[in-house]
Amino acid sequence: MPAGDGIDAHQGPDNDVMIHVLDGSGTLGTAAGDLTLRPGDLLWMPRRSMRRFTAGGSGLIYHTVHVRKPGLLPTLRR
């Protein structure tokens, strides 16, 4: 996510999500308040929780882990 960019407040999916911050910095807005994001942070977001992301001055790179969704994985060819 480029510096200063973000994802507006929204309700998460019907499953829990793990967020691993890989690089950069930013803010995660939650119903409990704002959290500063730094490389190495690992966060758990309960299903259907409210969240908002804002990238810091150097941008934000993060990885999400959640249950498999159809259509996101490559198919095997035989």
N, C-alpha and C. Protein backbone atom coordinates (compact mmCIF):
# COMPACT_ATOMS: atom_id res chain seq x y z
N MET A 1 0.86 -1.16 0.00
CA MET A 1 0.00 0.00 0.00
C MET A 1 0.92 1.24 0.00
N PRO A 2 0.75 2.13 -0.94
CA PRO A 2 1.60 3.31 -1.01
C PRO A 2 1.45 4.23 0.21
N ALA A 3 2.47 5.03 0.46
CA ALA A 3 2.46 5.96 1.58
C ALA A 3 1.21 6.83 1.56
N GLY A 4 0.56 6.94 2.72
CA GLY A 4 -0.62 7.78 2.86
C GLY A 4 -1.91 7.17 2.34
N ASP A 5 -1.81 6.05 1.63
CA ASP A 5 -3.00 5.39 1.09
C ASP A 5 -3.67 4.60 2.21
N GLY A 6 -4.84 4.07 1.96
CA GLY A 6 -5.51 3.32 3.00
C GLY A 6 -6.68 2.51 2.50
N ILE A 7 -7.27 1.79 3.42
CA ILE A 7 -8.50 1.04 3.18
C ILE A 7 -9.51 1.57 4.17
N ASP A 8 -10.62 2.08 3.65
CA ASP A 8 -11.65 2.68 4.51
C ASP A 8 -12.19 1.69 5.52
N ALA A 9 -12.78 2.20 6.57
CA ALA A 9 -13.38 1.37 7.62
C ALA A 9 -14.39 0.42 7.01
N HIS A 10 -14.31 -0.83 7.42
CA HIS A 10 -15.21 -1.86 6.93
C HIS A 10 -15.30 -2.99 7.94
N GLN A 11 -16.33 -3.78 7.82
CA GLN A 11 -16.47 -4.96 8.67
C GLN A 11 -15.78 -6.12 7.97
N GLY A 12 -14.96 -6.85 8.72
CA GLY A 12 -14.23 -7.97 8.16
C GLY A 12 -15.13 -9.13 7.78
N PRO A 13 -14.53 -10.15 7.18
CA PRO A 13 -15.28 -11.31 6.71
C PRO A 13 -15.81 -12.16 7.86
N ASP A 14 -16.51 -13.22 7.50
CA ASP A 14 -17.10 -14.13 8.49
C ASP A 14 -16.10 -15.12 9.06
N ASN A 15 -14.83 -14.85 8.92
CA ASN A 15 -13.80 -15.70 9.50
C ASN A 15 -12.71 -14.83 10.12
N ASP A 16 -11.99 -15.40 11.08
CA ASP A 16 -10.88 -14.69 11.70
C ASP A 16 -9.77 -14.47 10.68
N VAL A 17 -9.00 -13.41 10.87
CA VAL A 17 -7.91 -13.08 9.96
C VAL A 17 -6.66 -12.75 10.77
N MET A 18 -5.53 -13.33 10.38
CA MET A 18 -4.24 -12.97 10.95
C MET A 18 -3.58 -11.98 10.00
N ILE A 19 -2.96 -10.95 10.55
CA ILE A 19 -2.26 -9.94 9.76
C ILE A 19 -0.80 -9.92 10.20
N HIS A 20 0.11 -10.08 9.24
CA HIS A 20 1.54 -10.03 9.52
C HIS A 20 2.12 -8.85 8.75
N VAL A 21 2.66 -7.88 9.47
CA VAL A 21 3.26 -6.70 8.84
C VAL A 21 4.66 -7.07 8.37
N LEU A 22 4.90 -6.94 7.07
CA LEU A 22 6.19 -7.32 6.49
C LEU A 22 7.16 -6.14 6.39
N ASP A 23 6.65 -4.96 6.02
CA ASP A 23 7.54 -3.81 5.83
C ASP A 23 6.74 -2.52 5.93
N GLY A 24 7.43 -1.43 6.19
CA GLY A 24 6.79 -0.13 6.27
C GLY A 24 6.15 0.09 7.63
N SER A 25 5.16 0.96 7.65
CA SER A 25 4.47 1.29 8.89
C SER A 25 3.06 1.75 8.55
N GLY A 26 2.27 1.90 9.57
CA GLY A 26 0.91 2.38 9.34
C GLY A 26 0.09 2.31 10.60
N THR A 27 -1.21 2.45 10.42
CA THR A 27 -2.16 2.42 11.53
C THR A 27 -3.30 1.48 11.18
N LEU A 28 -3.69 0.68 12.16
CA LEU A 28 -4.87 -0.15 12.05
C LEU A 28 -5.91 0.42 12.99
N GLY A 29 -6.98 0.94 12.43
CA GLY A 29 -8.07 1.47 13.24
C GLY A 29 -9.04 0.35 13.58
N THR A 30 -9.37 0.22 14.86
CA THR A 30 -10.31 -0.81 15.32
C THR A 30 -11.35 -0.17 16.22
N ALA A 31 -12.35 -0.94 16.59
CA ALA A 31 -13.38 -0.45 17.51
C ALA A 31 -12.78 -0.12 18.87
N ALA A 32 -11.65 -0.74 19.22
CA ALA A 32 -10.98 -0.50 20.51
C ALA A 32 -9.98 0.65 20.44
N GLY A 33 -9.75 1.21 19.25
CA GLY A 33 -8.79 2.30 19.09
C GLY A 33 -7.80 2.01 17.99
N ASP A 34 -6.87 2.93 17.80
CA ASP A 34 -5.87 2.79 16.74
C ASP A 34 -4.63 2.06 17.26
N LEU A 35 -4.07 1.21 16.40
CA LEU A 35 -2.84 0.48 16.70
C LEU A 35 -1.78 0.88 15.68
N THR A 36 -0.58 1.15 16.14
CA THR A 36 0.54 1.44 15.26
C THR A 36 1.08 0.13 14.72
N LEU A 37 1.28 0.07 13.40
CA LEU A 37 1.79 -1.13 12.76
C LEU A 37 3.26 -0.96 12.41
N ARG A 38 4.06 -1.97 12.74
CA ARG A 38 5.50 -1.98 12.46
C ARG A 38 5.89 -3.34 11.90
N PRO A 39 7.00 -3.43 11.16
CA PRO A 39 7.43 -4.72 10.63
C PRO A 39 7.57 -5.76 11.75
N GLY A 40 7.07 -6.96 11.47
CA GLY A 40 7.14 -8.04 12.43
C GLY A 40 5.88 -8.19 13.27
N ASP A 41 5.04 -7.17 13.31
CA ASP A 41 3.80 -7.27 14.09
C ASP A 41 2.93 -8.38 13.53
N LEU A 42 2.30 -9.13 14.42
CA LEU A 42 1.37 -10.19 14.07
C LEU A 42 0.09 -9.93 14.85
N LEU A 43 -1.01 -9.73 14.14
CA LEU A 43 -2.27 -9.38 14.79
C LEU A 43 -3.35 -10.37 14.40
N TRP A 44 -4.28 -10.56 15.32
CA TRP A 44 -5.45 -11.40 15.07
C TRP A 44 -6.67 -10.51 15.06
N MET A 45 -7.44 -10.59 13.99
CA MET A 45 -8.68 -9.83 13.86
C MET A 45 -9.84 -10.81 13.93
N PRO A 46 -10.68 -10.70 14.96
CA PRO A 46 -11.84 -11.60 15.05
C PRO A 46 -12.79 -11.39 13.88
N ARG A 47 -13.51 -12.44 13.54
CA ARG A 47 -14.45 -12.35 12.42
C ARG A 47 -15.45 -11.21 12.63
N ARG A 48 -15.77 -10.59 11.53
CA ARG A 48 -16.72 -9.47 11.47
C ARG A 48 -16.31 -8.25 12.29
N SER A 49 -15.05 -8.14 12.67
CA SER A 49 -14.62 -6.96 13.43
C SER A 49 -14.40 -5.78 12.47
N MET A 50 -14.61 -4.58 12.98
CA MET A 50 -14.40 -3.37 12.19
C MET A 50 -12.90 -3.07 12.11
N ARG A 51 -12.47 -2.60 10.94
CA ARG A 51 -11.05 -2.29 10.74
C ARG A 51 -10.87 -1.23 9.67
N ARG A 52 -9.76 -0.52 9.77
CA ARG A 52 -9.39 0.53 8.81
C ARG A 52 -7.87 0.54 8.75
N PHE A 53 -7.29 0.58 7.57
CA PHE A 53 -5.83 0.61 7.41
C PHE A 53 -5.41 1.95 6.82
N THR A 54 -4.31 2.49 7.34
CA THR A 54 -3.70 3.69 6.78
C THR A 54 -2.19 3.46 6.73
N ALA A 55 -1.60 3.60 5.55
CA ALA A 55 -0.16 3.40 5.39
C ALA A 55 0.60 4.62 5.90
N GLY A 56 1.76 4.37 6.50
CA GLY A 56 2.63 5.44 6.97
C GLY A 56 3.45 6.04 5.84
N GLY A 57 4.44 6.85 6.20
CA GLY A 57 5.25 7.59 5.24
C GLY A 57 6.08 6.74 4.30
N SER A 58 6.37 5.49 4.68
CA SER A 58 7.16 4.61 3.81
C SER A 58 6.29 3.51 3.19
N GLY A 59 4.98 3.67 3.29
CA GLY A 59 4.08 2.66 2.76
C GLY A 59 3.88 1.53 3.76
N LEU A 60 3.09 0.55 3.38
CA LEU A 60 2.78 -0.57 4.26
C LEU A 60 2.63 -1.84 3.43
N ILE A 61 3.38 -2.86 3.82
CA ILE A 61 3.25 -4.17 3.18
C ILE A 61 2.88 -5.16 4.26
N TYR A 62 1.75 -5.83 4.06
CA TYR A 62 1.31 -6.82 5.04
C TYR A 62 0.75 -8.04 4.33
N HIS A 63 0.68 -9.12 5.06
CA HIS A 63 0.19 -10.39 4.54
C HIS A 63 -0.97 -10.81 5.42
N THR A 64 -2.06 -11.27 4.81
CA THR A 64 -3.19 -11.77 5.60
C THR A 64 -3.28 -13.28 5.47
N VAL A 65 -3.71 -13.92 6.54
CA VAL A 65 -3.88 -15.36 6.57
C VAL A 65 -5.30 -15.64 7.04
N HIS A 66 -6.04 -16.40 6.24
CA HIS A 66 -7.42 -16.72 6.59
C HIS A 66 -7.79 -18.04 5.93
N VAL A 67 -8.98 -18.51 6.20
CA VAL A 67 -9.39 -19.77 5.60
C VAL A 67 -9.41 -19.65 4.09
N ARG A 68 -9.21 -20.76 3.44
CA ARG A 68 -9.14 -20.78 1.98
C ARG A 68 -10.46 -20.31 1.37
N LYS A 69 -10.32 -19.46 0.40
CA LYS A 69 -11.48 -18.97 -0.34
C LYS A 69 -11.43 -19.59 -1.74
N PRO A 70 -12.54 -19.97 -2.31
CA PRO A 70 -12.54 -20.54 -3.67
C PRO A 70 -11.98 -19.53 -4.67
N GLY A 71 -11.23 -20.05 -5.63
CA GLY A 71 -10.77 -19.22 -6.74
C GLY A 71 -9.48 -18.46 -6.48
N LEU A 72 -8.88 -18.57 -5.29
CA LEU A 72 -7.65 -17.83 -5.03
C LEU A 72 -6.39 -18.69 -5.20
N LEU A 73 -6.57 -19.98 -5.30
CA LEU A 73 -5.43 -20.89 -5.44
C LEU A 73 -5.34 -21.40 -6.86
N PRO A 74 -4.11 -21.64 -7.36
CA PRO A 74 -3.99 -22.18 -8.73
C PRO A 74 -4.55 -23.60 -8.78
N THR A 75 -5.02 -23.98 -9.93
CA THR A 75 -5.51 -25.34 -10.10
C THR A 75 -4.40 -26.21 -10.69
N LEU A 76 -4.43 -27.46 -10.33
CA LEU A 76 -3.45 -28.41 -10.84
C LEU A 76 -3.92 -28.94 -12.19
N ARG A 77 -3.01 -29.03 -13.13
CA ARG A 77 -3.32 -29.59 -14.45
C ARG A 77 -2.73 -30.99 -14.50
N ARG A 78 -3.52 -31.89 -14.97
CA ARG A 78 -3.05 -33.29 -15.06
C ARG A 78 -2.79 -33.65 -16.49
